C-alpha cells in the first residue's frame, strides 16, 4: 500500500472511530523515518486504546503490519508506527501540552526557505 493510500485509510478509520481534530503533517522532506504524521485527539484512555486497536487491525487486513505500538493501556498518548505513517492518538490535555504540530511547523518553514 502506498503512503498516501495508507494515510487516507488511517484518516478514515480515525474519523469512523470519532477521533477529534485529526490532522496530517507531511514530513517527507523533513525526515526519512516516515512520509506522514497523523495526530488525533480522543476523549479518554479507553477511546485512545480503541482507536489504536482498530488502526492495527485494519492495517493488518490491508497487508500493513504495524512496526510498533507504544503507550497501550491506561495512557494519555498512544503511538502507532505503520512505517510510512506514524499515528499519535492523544488526550486533549496531552496533545495541548506536547503541541507536536508546533514542533514540526518551524522545520517545514526552514526547509521551504532552503529550497
Protein backbone atom coordinates (compact mmCIF):
# COMPACT_ATOMS: atom_id res chain seq x y z
CA UNK A 1 0.00 0.00 0.00
CA UNK A 2 1.37 3.41 -0.94
CA UNK A 3 1.96 6.01 1.77
CA UNK A 4 -0.82 8.33 0.57
CA UNK A 5 -3.29 5.41 0.46
CA UNK A 6 -2.28 4.38 3.97
CA UNK A 7 -2.68 7.99 5.14
CA UNK A 8 -6.23 8.06 3.75
CA UNK A 9 -7.04 4.70 5.36
CA UNK A 10 -5.81 5.92 8.75
CA UNK A 11 -7.80 9.15 8.50
CA UNK A 12 -10.92 7.19 7.55
CA UNK A 13 -10.50 4.79 10.49
CA UNK A 14 -9.92 7.60 12.98
CA UNK A 15 -12.90 9.51 11.62
CA UNK A 16 -15.12 6.39 11.86
CA UNK A 17 -13.95 5.92 15.45
CA UNK A 18 -14.98 9.51 16.28
CA UNK A 19 -11.43 10.83 16.58
CA UNK A 20 -11.31 14.56 17.23
CA UNK A 21 -9.29 17.19 15.33
CA UNK A 22 -7.44 14.80 13.01
CA UNK A 23 -4.50 16.49 11.31
CA UNK A 24 -1.85 15.27 8.88
CA UNK A 25 1.67 16.62 8.71
CA UNK A 26 3.61 15.83 5.54
CA UNK A 27 7.14 15.05 6.77
CA UNK A 28 8.55 13.50 3.58
CA UNK A 29 11.04 16.33 3.04
CA UNK A 30 11.91 16.66 6.72
CA UNK A 31 12.90 13.13 7.71
CA UNK A 32 13.37 9.65 6.32
CA UNK A 33 11.54 7.96 9.21
CA UNK A 34 8.10 8.32 7.61
CA UNK A 35 6.12 10.20 4.98
CA UNK A 36 3.23 11.38 7.15
CA UNK A 37 2.49 12.02 10.79
CA UNK A 38 -1.14 11.96 11.86
CA UNK A 39 -2.28 13.40 15.18
CA UNK A 40 -5.71 12.78 16.65
CA UNK A 41 -7.42 13.54 19.96
CA UNK A 42 -9.52 11.01 21.85
CA UNK A 43 -11.97 11.50 24.71
CA UNK A 44 -10.38 9.06 27.18
CA UNK A 45 -7.65 6.46 27.52
CA UNK A 46 -10.20 3.79 26.53
CA UNK A 47 -11.09 5.75 23.41
CA UNK A 48 -7.38 6.05 22.55
CA UNK A 49 -6.93 2.32 23.01
CA UNK A 50 -9.96 1.52 20.84
CA UNK A 51 -8.65 3.75 18.03
CA UNK A 52 -5.14 2.26 18.24
CA UNK A 53 -6.53 -1.29 18.24
CA UNK A 54 -8.74 -0.55 15.23
CA UNK A 55 -5.82 1.03 13.36
CA UNK A 56 -3.63 -2.03 13.96
CA UNK A 57 -6.41 -4.44 12.99
CA UNK A 58 -7.45 -2.66 9.79
CA UNK A 59 -3.83 -2.08 8.80
CA UNK A 60 -3.17 -5.83 9.04
CA UNK A 61 -6.28 -6.56 6.98
CA UNK A 62 -4.77 -4.27 4.32
CA UNK A 63 -1.40 -6.10 4.49
CA UNK A 64 0.32 -3.36 6.50
CA UNK A 65 1.84 -4.69 9.68
CA UNK A 66 2.42 -2.17 12.46
CA UNK A 67 6.10 -1.90 13.30
CA UNK A 68 5.38 -0.87 16.86
CA UNK A 69 2.56 0.31 19.11
CA UNK A 70 3.64 2.22 22.19
CA UNK A 71 1.67 3.54 25.16
CA UNK A 72 -1.10 0.96 25.32
CA UNK A 73 -3.12 0.62 28.49
CA UNK A 74 -4.28 3.46 30.67
CA UNK A 75 -2.12 6.10 29.00
CA UNK A 76 -2.84 9.50 27.52
CA UNK A 77 -0.76 9.01 24.36
CA UNK A 78 -0.52 6.02 22.05
CA UNK A 79 1.81 5.92 19.08
CA UNK A 80 1.11 3.53 16.19
CA UNK A 81 4.05 3.17 13.80
CA UNK A 82 2.84 1.98 10.40
CA UNK A 83 6.21 2.65 8.74
CA UNK A 84 5.22 5.30 6.18
CA UNK A 85 2.61 6.78 8.52
CA UNK A 86 3.14 7.45 12.21
CA UNK A 87 -0.04 7.98 14.20
CA UNK A 88 -0.32 9.76 17.55
CA UNK A 89 -3.62 9.41 19.40
CA UNK A 90 -3.70 11.60 22.49
CA UNK A 91 -6.00 13.02 25.11
CA UNK A 92 -6.73 16.74 24.73
CA UNK A 93 -4.54 17.72 27.71
CA UNK A 94 -1.57 15.70 26.48
CA UNK A 95 -1.92 17.00 22.94
CA UNK A 96 -2.06 20.57 24.18
CA UNK A 97 0.94 20.07 26.47
CA UNK A 98 3.27 18.49 23.89
CA UNK A 99 1.94 20.50 20.92
CA UNK A 100 3.56 18.31 18.25
CA UNK A 101 2.08 20.41 15.46
CA UNK A 102 4.11 23.42 16.59
CA UNK A 103 7.29 21.36 16.87
CA UNK A 104 7.14 20.31 13.20
CA UNK A 105 5.90 23.57 11.67
CA UNK A 106 9.18 25.54 12.06
CA UNK A 107 11.06 22.67 10.39
CA UNK A 108 8.74 22.85 7.39
CA UNK A 109 9.28 26.61 7.14
CA UNK A 110 13.08 26.23 7.34
CA UNK A 111 13.02 23.53 4.66
CA UNK A 112 10.95 25.76 2.36
CA UNK A 113 13.40 28.63 2.82
CA UNK A 114 16.33 26.36 1.89
CA UNK A 115 14.62 25.30 -1.36
